Amino acid sequence: MTLIKSISGIRGTIGGRTGDTLNPLDIVKFTTAYATFIPRKSGKIVVGRDGRISGPMVRDVVCGTLVGMGFDVIDIGYATTPTTELAVRMSGADGGIIITASHNPRQWNALKLLNSEGEFLTAADGNKVLEIAEKEDFCYAEVDQLGHITVDDSFDDRHIQSVLDLKLVDSDAIRRARFTVCVDSINSVGGIILPKLLERLGVGYKFLNGEVTGDFAHNPEPLEKNLQGIMQEMRTGHYDLGIVVDPDVDRLAFICEDGTMFGEEYTLVSVADYVLSETSGNTVSNLSSTRALRDVTERHGGKYTAAAVGEVNVTTKMKEVGAVIGGEGNGGVIYPESHYGRDALVGIALFLTSLAKKDCKVSELRKTFPDYQIAKNRIDLTPETDVDAILVKVKEMFAQDATAQVNDIDGVKIDFPDRWVHLRKSNTEPIIRVYSEAQTMQEADELGKRLMQVVYDMQ
């Protein structure tokens, strides 16, 4: 059983003892801490949830706690993460709580915390919430000051309309292309909102795992090893594109018309290439993302900047450098013209526009980008593992290597002229992520595993 408390929110497995899992008592504690911290103006908080089995229980506890703190709750029901983010802004709420564990398996759930802009809390603000939670010095509303719950299911349609209104989304071009797509929405909220988006765009579709049961048909992280079902369906030749989202629809992966992976790293690269062809500017992604974004950005005359891993770190850096597009290599597209949050709906609409205008197959589009391969490995942690000490030792090992550039703003990233490797402790799981990139998958995997062995030798 696991409970992870970080600036990314509160995430854990359901069931078990308090303090060790995501259970009603801990949900009350952290929701109360958030309600204590968030500046009160409108007195409203938005709550949305993905399709997880535990969602109704967590929602009831969260909403009841917010009412007990004197906040009016706007319950938007089943909702994607970007829909909830936009709902905060659209409703003028003081903040929002998204009930989702994103790509984690079915036994997990989480509370993701938003500010009044519908953006994730900064690291400083997240730490303040954690401090308040640990003190447990709470004050609840008296009976005449209790909040109320309002159910509002209008935000899916409002989200879709905001996507269609983007200047770089050409609905007419998409409609003329007469695309047919296959979608794996992994038994969560993508199965509700994506059909509506595709219908508005005039795109034909078939859904796999489209029922919102929360009983995921496969591991919900949109990686190739988990997507054999849709890859096989694509090989029938009936589709122009395969679309895969995670349970809260902020990550997006594409599959080519021949059933091969487009590459989740290239979701952002392809969308950025289209945006930069229409809008001059800079880009940002995190340290664990492909170099291809840097190459594409420089080809368009812009400047690329790397940020620490974590959506709030990327959006903060995007604002600093005035990026016109950014995101994360895990399939997260952040387009400021819409909002500062990863949004698969925005990514789908921009990608389909680009594909329609280029009038080519998805596999042909993929060949137009620099070709790198990323190996994604992990080291499972024990309670005794001293991650910080391990990362310091790794940094020291390469500090004297003239061929290596060492970056320690988030874990340790070692950049070589033709490859890189990045080790960092996950914000969402008890693991060290080991990402490595090179010209071939074999070279990337060998580099990652060489560093993994270094870590194992230190333990």
Protein backbone atom coordinates (compact mmCIF):
# COMPACT_ATOMS: atom_id res chain seq x y z
CA MET A 1 0.00 0.00 0.00
CA THR A 2 1.26 3.46 -0.85
CA LEU A 3 0.56 7.14 -0.13
CA ILE A 4 2.68 9.72 -1.95
CA LYS A 5 2.54 13.36 -0.87
CA SER A 6 4.16 15.81 -3.26
CA ILE A 7 3.66 19.17 -4.97
CA SER A 8 1.86 17.19 -7.69
CA GLY A 9 -0.90 16.36 -5.20
CA ILE A 10 -1.83 13.45 -2.98
CA ARG A 11 -1.73 10.04 -4.66
CA GLY A 12 -2.15 6.58 -3.23
CA THR A 13 -3.70 3.15 -3.35
CA ILE A 14 -7.22 2.71 -2.02
CA GLY A 15 -7.76 0.75 1.21
CA GLY A 16 -5.53 -0.05 4.15
CA ARG A 17 -4.32 1.89 7.15
CA THR A 18 -4.47 5.65 7.56
CA GLY A 19 -1.26 7.44 6.73
CA ASP A 20 -0.21 4.63 4.39
CA THR A 21 -2.90 4.81 1.71
CA LEU A 22 -5.45 7.11 0.14
CA ASN A 23 -8.35 6.54 2.54
CA PRO A 24 -11.25 8.71 3.76
CA LEU A 25 -9.40 10.15 6.76
CA ASP A 26 -6.39 11.21 4.70
CA ILE A 27 -8.66 12.55 1.93
CA VAL A 28 -10.41 14.73 4.54
CA LYS A 29 -7.08 15.94 5.93
CA PHE A 30 -5.56 17.00 2.62
CA THR A 31 -8.79 18.45 1.24
CA THR A 32 -9.16 20.51 4.40
CA ALA A 33 -5.56 21.69 4.13
CA TYR A 34 -6.17 22.77 0.54
CA ALA A 35 -9.39 24.59 1.49
CA THR A 36 -7.55 26.30 4.34
CA PHE A 37 -4.77 27.45 2.01
CA ILE A 38 -6.65 28.56 -1.10
CA PRO A 39 -7.53 32.30 -1.16
CA ARG A 40 -11.27 32.70 -0.84
CA LYS A 41 -12.89 35.13 -3.29
CA SER A 42 -15.89 33.59 -5.01
CA GLY A 43 -16.17 30.85 -2.41
CA LYS A 44 -16.48 28.21 -5.17
CA ILE A 45 -14.36 25.11 -5.85
CA VAL A 46 -14.71 22.89 -8.94
CA VAL A 47 -14.50 19.11 -8.51
CA GLY A 48 -14.18 16.69 -11.43
CA ARG A 49 -13.21 13.03 -11.60
CA ASP A 50 -12.09 10.37 -14.03
CA GLY A 51 -13.77 6.98 -14.42
CA ARG A 52 -12.03 5.09 -11.62
CA ILE A 53 -13.97 2.62 -9.51
CA SER A 54 -13.06 4.54 -6.34
CA GLY A 55 -14.12 7.87 -7.87
CA PRO A 56 -17.59 8.16 -6.30
CA MET A 57 -16.22 7.45 -2.80
CA VAL A 58 -13.40 9.97 -3.13
CA ARG A 59 -15.72 12.57 -4.67
CA ASP A 60 -18.22 12.27 -1.83
CA VAL A 61 -15.51 12.73 0.79
CA VAL A 62 -13.91 15.66 -1.06
CA CYS A 63 -17.20 17.45 -1.71
CA GLY A 64 -18.45 16.91 1.84
CA THR A 65 -15.22 18.26 3.26
CA LEU A 66 -15.29 21.36 1.06
CA VAL A 67 -18.90 22.02 2.09
CA GLY A 68 -17.81 21.60 5.70
CA MET A 69 -15.16 24.26 5.07
CA GLY A 70 -17.82 26.66 3.81
CA PHE A 71 -17.10 26.37 0.08
CA ASP A 72 -19.74 26.00 -2.60
CA VAL A 73 -18.84 23.01 -4.77
CA ILE A 74 -19.37 22.88 -8.53
CA ASP A 75 -19.47 19.14 -9.17
CA ILE A 76 -18.82 18.62 -12.90
CA GLY A 77 -18.96 14.82 -12.60
CA TYR A 78 -17.00 12.73 -15.09
CA ALA A 79 -14.43 15.13 -16.54
CA THR A 80 -10.98 15.13 -18.06
CA THR A 81 -8.16 16.92 -16.27
CA PRO A 82 -8.06 19.72 -18.88
CA THR A 83 -11.86 20.08 -18.72
CA THR A 84 -11.66 20.59 -14.97
CA GLU A 85 -8.84 23.10 -15.39
CA LEU A 86 -10.88 25.10 -17.87
CA ALA A 87 -14.00 24.83 -15.69
CA VAL A 88 -12.19 26.66 -12.88
CA ARG A 89 -11.51 29.62 -15.14
CA MET A 90 -14.88 29.55 -16.87
CA SER A 91 -16.79 29.50 -13.58
CA GLY A 92 -14.62 32.06 -11.77
CA ALA A 93 -13.91 29.56 -9.00
CA ASP A 94 -11.19 29.93 -6.38
CA GLY A 95 -9.67 26.60 -7.35
CA GLY A 96 -10.36 23.01 -8.26
CA ILE A 97 -9.68 19.43 -7.28
CA ILE A 98 -9.25 16.77 -9.94
CA ILE A 99 -9.86 13.24 -8.66
CA THR A 100 -7.61 11.11 -10.85
CA ALA A 101 -4.46 9.04 -10.62
CA SER A 102 -3.75 9.69 -14.30
CA HIS A 103 -1.84 6.73 -15.79
CA ASN A 104 -1.66 4.68 -12.58
CA PRO A 105 -3.50 1.32 -12.37
CA ARG A 106 -7.06 0.85 -11.11
CA GLN A 107 -6.23 0.54 -7.38
CA TRP A 108 -4.81 4.09 -7.34
CA ASN A 109 -6.51 7.45 -7.03
CA ALA A 110 -5.35 10.99 -6.30
CA LEU A 111 -6.22 14.59 -5.60
CA LYS A 112 -4.71 17.08 -8.05
CA LEU A 113 -4.95 20.64 -6.77
CA LEU A 114 -5.60 23.74 -8.90
CA ASN A 115 -5.38 27.48 -8.27
CA SER A 116 -7.88 30.09 -9.47
CA GLU A 117 -6.29 30.08 -12.95
CA GLY A 118 -7.07 26.39 -13.32
CA GLU A 119 -3.37 25.59 -13.12
CA PHE A 120 -1.51 23.27 -10.78
CA LEU A 121 -0.17 24.80 -7.59
CA THR A 122 3.42 25.99 -7.64
CA ALA A 123 6.01 24.03 -5.68
CA ALA A 124 5.94 26.66 -2.92
CA ASP A 125 2.15 26.58 -2.66
CA GLY A 126 2.06 22.80 -2.78
CA ASN A 127 4.50 22.63 0.10
CA LYS A 128 2.34 25.05 2.11
CA VAL A 129 -0.65 22.73 1.67
CA LEU A 130 1.45 19.80 2.90
CA GLU A 131 2.59 21.81 5.93
CA ILE A 132 -0.99 22.72 6.82
CA ALA A 133 -2.03 19.09 6.48
CA GLU A 134 0.69 17.91 8.83
CA LYS A 135 -0.27 20.44 11.54
CA GLU A 136 -3.94 19.37 11.43
CA ASP A 137 -4.97 22.67 13.03
CA PHE A 138 -8.26 22.98 11.15
CA CYS A 139 -11.33 25.16 11.62
CA TYR A 140 -14.59 24.14 9.94
CA ALA A 141 -17.61 26.27 9.11
CA GLU A 142 -20.50 26.67 11.48
CA VAL A 143 -23.92 25.44 10.43
CA ASP A 144 -25.11 28.69 8.83
CA GLN A 145 -21.88 29.04 6.85
CA LEU A 146 -21.82 25.56 5.29
CA GLY A 147 -21.41 25.44 1.52
CA HIS A 148 -23.66 23.86 -1.10
CA ILE A 149 -23.13 21.47 -4.00
CA THR A 150 -24.24 22.32 -7.54
CA VAL A 151 -24.02 19.77 -10.35
CA ASP A 152 -23.02 21.24 -13.73
CA ASP A 153 -22.46 18.96 -16.73
CA SER A 154 -22.00 21.72 -19.33
CA PHE A 155 -18.21 21.90 -19.32
CA ASP A 156 -17.50 19.09 -21.80
CA ASP A 157 -19.32 21.04 -24.50
CA ARG A 158 -17.69 24.30 -23.43
CA HIS A 159 -14.26 22.66 -23.52
CA ILE A 160 -14.87 21.30 -27.02
CA GLN A 161 -16.09 24.66 -28.26
CA SER A 162 -12.97 26.35 -26.89
CA VAL A 163 -10.85 23.89 -28.88
CA LEU A 164 -12.81 24.50 -32.09
CA ASP A 165 -12.43 28.25 -31.59
CA LEU A 166 -8.60 28.09 -31.63
CA LYS A 167 -7.20 29.96 -34.67
CA LEU A 168 -4.88 27.10 -35.65
CA VAL A 169 -7.64 24.48 -35.54
CA ASP A 170 -9.11 24.25 -39.05
CA SER A 171 -12.32 22.29 -38.65
CA ASP A 172 -13.21 22.67 -42.32
CA ALA A 173 -9.89 21.19 -43.47
CA ILE A 174 -10.34 18.25 -41.08
CA ARG A 175 -13.89 17.68 -42.27
CA ARG A 176 -12.82 17.71 -45.94
CA ALA A 177 -10.11 15.12 -45.21
CA ARG A 178 -12.80 12.62 -44.14
CA PHE A 179 -10.55 10.94 -41.59
CA THR A 180 -11.47 7.68 -39.88
CA VAL A 181 -9.76 6.96 -36.56
CA CYS A 182 -9.58 4.23 -33.95
CA VAL A 183 -9.50 5.38 -30.32
CA ASP A 184 -8.49 3.56 -27.13
CA SER A 185 -9.95 5.57 -24.24
CA ILE A 186 -9.09 2.91 -21.60
CA ASN A 187 -12.49 2.69 -19.88
CA SER A 188 -12.45 6.25 -18.59
CA VAL A 189 -13.67 9.75 -19.39
CA GLY A 190 -12.12 9.90 -22.85
CA GLY A 191 -14.95 7.60 -23.89
CA ILE A 192 -17.41 10.40 -23.08
CA ILE A 193 -15.81 13.56 -24.46
CA LEU A 194 -13.77 12.35 -27.43
CA PRO A 195 -16.75 11.06 -29.47
CA LYS A 196 -18.30 14.52 -29.12
CA LEU A 197 -15.09 16.21 -30.30
CA LEU A 198 -14.66 13.87 -33.27
CA GLU A 199 -18.29 14.31 -34.33
CA ARG A 200 -17.90 18.10 -34.25
CA LEU A 201 -14.81 17.70 -36.48
CA GLY A 202 -16.55 15.35 -38.91
CA VAL A 203 -14.19 12.46 -38.14
CA GLY A 204 -15.39 8.85 -38.33
CA TYR A 205 -14.38 6.68 -35.40
CA LYS A 206 -14.36 3.34 -33.64
CA PHE A 207 -13.69 3.13 -29.91
CA LEU A 208 -11.88 0.37 -28.07
CA ASN A 209 -12.38 0.21 -24.29
CA GLY A 210 -14.86 3.05 -24.60
CA GLU A 211 -17.13 2.05 -21.69
CA VAL A 212 -16.52 4.17 -18.59
CA THR A 213 -16.14 1.36 -16.05
CA GLY A 214 -12.83 2.24 -14.39
CA ASP A 215 -11.93 -1.43 -14.76
CA PHE A 216 -9.09 -0.78 -17.18
CA ALA A 217 -8.76 -3.35 -19.97
CA HIS A 218 -4.96 -3.04 -19.86
CA ASN A 219 -2.29 -1.06 -18.04
CA PRO A 220 -3.53 2.51 -18.61
CA GLU A 221 -0.15 4.13 -19.32
CA PRO A 222 -0.12 4.80 -23.10
CA LEU A 223 3.12 2.94 -23.87
CA GLU A 224 3.65 0.57 -26.80
CA LYS A 225 3.80 -2.54 -24.60
CA ASN A 226 0.27 -1.76 -23.34
CA LEU A 227 -1.30 -0.95 -26.71
CA GLN A 228 -1.16 -4.20 -28.66
CA GLY A 229 -4.97 -4.29 -29.03
CA ILE A 230 -5.32 -1.00 -30.89
CA MET A 231 -2.09 -1.61 -32.83
CA GLN A 232 -3.56 -4.86 -34.12
CA GLU A 233 -6.85 -3.14 -34.98
CA MET A 234 -4.95 -0.49 -36.94
CA ARG A 235 -3.34 -3.20 -39.07
CA THR A 236 -6.75 -3.99 -40.60
CA GLY A 237 -6.19 -0.93 -42.79
CA HIS A 238 -9.54 0.67 -42.01
CA TYR A 239 -8.18 3.78 -40.27
CA ASP A 240 -6.08 6.85 -41.00
CA LEU A 241 -4.93 7.30 -37.41
CA GLY A 242 -4.95 5.63 -34.00
CA ILE A 243 -5.52 7.80 -30.92
CA VAL A 244 -4.72 6.74 -27.36
CA VAL A 245 -5.33 8.71 -24.17
CA ASP A 246 -4.76 7.97 -20.50
CA PRO A 247 -7.63 7.85 -17.94
CA ASP A 248 -7.75 11.63 -17.39
CA VAL A 249 -7.03 12.59 -21.02
CA ASP A 250 -4.03 14.84 -20.53
CA ARG A 251 -1.62 12.41 -22.23
CA LEU A 252 -1.91 11.60 -25.92
CA ALA A 253 -0.26 9.02 -28.17
CA PHE A 254 -0.77 8.35 -31.87
CA ILE A 255 -0.52 5.16 -33.91
CA CYS A 256 0.27 5.20 -37.63
CA GLU A 257 -2.12 3.86 -40.25
CA ASP A 258 -0.01 0.68 -40.55
CA GLY A 259 -0.25 -0.15 -36.83
CA THR A 260 3.19 1.11 -35.84
CA MET A 261 3.69 3.58 -33.01
CA PHE A 262 4.08 7.22 -34.00
CA GLY A 263 5.99 7.54 -30.71
CA GLU A 264 4.55 9.31 -27.67
CA GLU A 265 7.60 11.59 -27.62
CA TYR A 266 6.60 12.78 -31.09
CA THR A 267 3.09 13.87 -30.12
CA LEU A 268 4.48 17.17 -28.86
CA VAL A 269 7.13 17.34 -31.61
CA SER A 270 4.54 17.04 -34.40
CA VAL A 271 2.10 19.50 -32.86
CA ALA A 272 4.92 21.97 -32.16
CA ASP A 273 6.14 21.69 -35.75
CA TYR A 274 2.70 22.69 -36.99
CA VAL A 275 2.29 25.53 -34.48
CA LEU A 276 5.77 26.90 -35.22
CA SER A 277 5.05 26.81 -38.95
CA GLU A 278 2.20 29.23 -38.29
CA THR A 279 3.50 31.16 -35.24
CA SER A 280 7.08 32.24 -34.55
CA GLY A 281 8.27 31.60 -31.03
CA ASN A 282 10.00 29.43 -28.45
CA THR A 283 9.30 26.02 -26.98
CA VAL A 284 9.75 24.23 -23.66
CA SER A 285 9.70 20.59 -22.62
CA ASN A 286 11.05 18.77 -19.60
CA LEU A 287 14.50 17.26 -19.18
CA SER A 288 13.22 13.75 -19.92
CA SER A 289 11.85 14.66 -23.35
CA THR A 290 13.34 14.02 -26.78
CA ARG A 291 15.92 16.27 -28.41
CA ALA A 292 13.72 16.28 -31.49
CA LEU A 293 11.73 19.23 -30.10
CA ARG A 294 14.93 21.26 -29.82
CA ASP A 295 15.85 20.38 -33.41
CA VAL A 296 12.41 21.27 -34.78
CA THR A 297 12.30 24.53 -32.80
CA GLU A 298 15.69 25.65 -34.07
CA ARG A 299 14.71 24.73 -37.63
CA HIS A 300 11.84 27.23 -37.31
CA GLY A 301 14.13 29.91 -35.86
CA GLY A 302 12.98 29.60 -32.25
CA LYS A 303 14.77 28.81 -29.00
CA TYR A 304 14.24 25.62 -27.01
CA THR A 305 14.49 25.53 -23.19
CA ALA A 306 14.39 22.50 -20.88
CA ALA A 307 12.48 22.56 -17.58
CA ALA A 308 12.39 20.28 -14.56
CA VAL A 309 9.91 17.41 -14.83
CA GLY A 310 6.38 18.24 -13.69
CA GLU A 311 3.66 20.16 -15.47
CA VAL A 312 3.88 23.20 -13.22
CA ASN A 313 7.64 23.42 -13.84
CA VAL A 314 7.07 23.32 -17.60
CA THR A 315 4.31 25.94 -17.55
CA THR A 316 6.38 28.22 -15.30
CA LYS A 317 9.30 28.03 -17.72
CA MET A 318 6.97 28.55 -20.69
CA LYS A 319 5.77 31.81 -19.18
CA GLU A 320 9.35 32.90 -18.46
CA VAL A 321 10.53 32.42 -22.06
CA GLY A 322 7.27 33.25 -23.83
CA ALA A 323 6.87 29.80 -25.36
CA VAL A 324 4.12 29.43 -27.96
CA ILE A 325 3.95 25.67 -27.45
CA GLY A 326 5.38 23.26 -24.91
CA GLY A 327 4.70 20.19 -22.88
CA GLU A 328 6.13 16.85 -21.91
CA GLY A 329 7.49 13.95 -23.89
CA ASN A 330 4.95 11.60 -22.33
CA GLY A 331 2.37 12.88 -24.81
CA GLY A 332 1.46 16.07 -22.97
CA VAL A 333 0.70 19.08 -25.19
CA ILE A 334 0.46 22.51 -23.56
CA TYR A 335 -0.82 25.26 -25.86
CA PRO A 336 -1.10 28.65 -24.13
CA GLU A 337 -3.64 29.93 -26.66
CA SER A 338 -6.01 27.48 -24.96
CA HIS A 339 -4.68 27.22 -21.41
CA TYR A 340 -1.56 26.31 -19.44
CA GLY A 341 -2.30 22.63 -19.01
CA ARG A 342 -1.72 19.37 -20.87
CA ASP A 343 -4.74 18.81 -23.08
CA ALA A 344 -5.26 15.80 -25.36
CA LEU A 345 -8.27 17.43 -27.05
CA VAL A 346 -6.14 20.38 -28.13
CA GLY A 347 -3.41 18.00 -29.27
CA ILE A 348 -5.85 15.92 -31.35
CA ALA A 349 -7.39 18.96 -33.06
CA LEU A 350 -4.02 20.53 -33.91
CA PHE A 351 -2.57 17.23 -35.14
CA LEU A 352 -5.57 16.50 -37.36
CA THR A 353 -5.36 20.03 -38.79
CA SER A 354 -1.68 19.54 -39.59
CA LEU A 355 -2.32 16.13 -41.14
CA ALA A 356 -5.16 17.49 -43.26
CA LYS A 357 -3.09 20.40 -44.54
CA LYS A 358 -0.07 18.22 -45.34
CA ASP A 359 -2.30 15.65 -47.05
CA CYS A 360 -0.05 12.72 -46.17
CA LYS A 361 -0.17 9.48 -44.23
CA VAL A 362 0.72 9.52 -40.54
CA SER A 363 3.73 7.26 -41.16
CA GLU A 364 4.97 9.70 -43.81
CA LEU A 365 4.58 12.63 -41.43
CA ARG A 366 6.64 10.79 -38.81
CA LYS A 367 9.55 10.45 -41.23
CA THR A 368 9.83 14.24 -41.56
CA PHE A 369 11.10 14.60 -37.98
CA PRO A 370 14.56 13.90 -36.50
CA ASP A 371 14.65 10.26 -35.44
CA TYR A 372 15.68 9.50 -31.88
CA GLN A 373 14.83 6.54 -29.68
CA ILE A 374 14.09 6.81 -25.95
CA ALA A 375 14.37 3.88 -23.56
CA LYS A 376 12.26 4.25 -20.41
CA ASN A 377 13.36 2.12 -17.47
CA ARG A 378 12.72 2.24 -13.74
CA ILE A 379 14.30 1.26 -10.46
CA ASP A 380 11.83 0.25 -7.75
CA LEU A 381 12.60 1.80 -4.39
CA THR A 382 12.57 0.35 -0.91
CA PRO A 383 11.94 2.47 2.21
CA GLU A 384 15.67 2.21 2.98
CA THR A 385 16.83 3.62 -0.37
CA ASP A 386 18.62 6.97 -0.05
CA VAL A 387 17.79 8.42 -3.46
CA ASP A 388 19.47 11.78 -2.86
CA ALA A 389 22.76 10.14 -1.93
CA ILE A 390 22.61 7.95 -5.01
CA LEU A 391 22.02 10.91 -7.32
CA VAL A 392 24.90 12.85 -5.75
CA LYS A 393 27.24 9.94 -6.40
CA VAL A 394 26.09 9.63 -10.01
CA LYS A 395 26.68 13.36 -10.52
CA GLU A 396 30.17 13.09 -9.04
CA MET A 397 30.99 10.16 -11.32
CA PHE A 398 30.46 12.21 -14.47
CA ALA A 399 31.53 15.66 -13.25
CA GLN A 400 35.07 15.12 -14.57
CA ASP A 401 34.00 13.67 -17.94
CA ALA A 402 34.87 16.27 -20.59
CA THR A 403 32.35 14.74 -23.01
CA ALA A 404 29.44 15.04 -20.59
CA GLN A 405 27.30 17.97 -19.47
CA VAL A 406 25.66 17.38 -16.09
CA ASN A 407 22.36 19.06 -15.17
CA ASP A 408 21.04 18.63 -11.62
CA ILE A 409 17.96 20.90 -11.56
CA ASP A 410 15.83 17.73 -11.38
CA GLY A 411 17.65 14.55 -10.45
CA VAL A 412 20.71 14.12 -12.65
CA LYS A 413 20.77 14.40 -16.43
CA ILE A 414 23.97 13.57 -18.27
CA ASP A 415 24.16 14.95 -21.81
CA PHE A 416 26.65 13.45 -24.24
CA PRO A 417 27.12 14.78 -27.80
CA ASP A 418 24.96 12.06 -29.36
CA ARG A 419 22.88 10.75 -26.43
CA TRP A 420 21.68 11.48 -22.90
CA VAL A 421 20.46 9.74 -19.75
CA HIS A 422 18.28 11.18 -16.98
CA LEU A 423 17.75 9.74 -13.49
CA ARG A 424 15.14 11.22 -11.18
CA LYS A 425 12.83 10.22 -8.38
CA SER A 426 9.22 10.04 -9.55
CA ASN A 427 6.65 12.45 -8.10
CA THR A 428 3.89 9.90 -8.55
CA GLU A 429 5.37 6.44 -7.83
CA PRO A 430 8.00 4.98 -5.45
CA ILE A 431 10.58 4.58 -8.22
CA ILE A 432 13.60 6.17 -9.87
CA ARG A 433 12.83 6.84 -13.52
CA VAL A 434 15.74 6.18 -15.87
CA TYR A 435 15.20 7.71 -19.31
CA SER A 436 17.87 7.55 -21.99
CA GLU A 437 17.95 8.64 -25.64
CA ALA A 438 20.19 7.76 -28.58
CA GLN A 439 20.04 7.10 -32.33
CA THR A 440 18.86 3.51 -31.82
CA MET A 441 16.78 1.82 -29.14
CA GLN A 442 19.59 -0.63 -28.42
CA GLU A 443 22.04 2.19 -27.74
CA ALA A 444 19.52 4.06 -25.60
CA ASP A 445 18.61 0.98 -23.57
CA GLU A 446 22.26 0.03 -23.04
CA LEU A 447 23.03 3.53 -21.74
CA GLY A 448 20.07 3.47 -19.36
CA LYS A 449 20.89 0.02 -18.04
CA ARG A 450 24.53 0.95 -17.56
CA LEU A 451 23.44 3.74 -15.23
CA MET A 452 20.93 1.45 -13.55
CA GLN A 453 23.73 -0.98 -12.73
CA VAL A 454 25.70 1.89 -11.23
CA VAL A 455 22.74 2.59 -8.92
CA TYR A 456 22.35 -1.09 -8.01
CA ASP A 457 26.06 -1.27 -7.13
CA MET A 458 25.64 1.67 -4.76
CA GLN A 459 22.81 0.08 -2.76
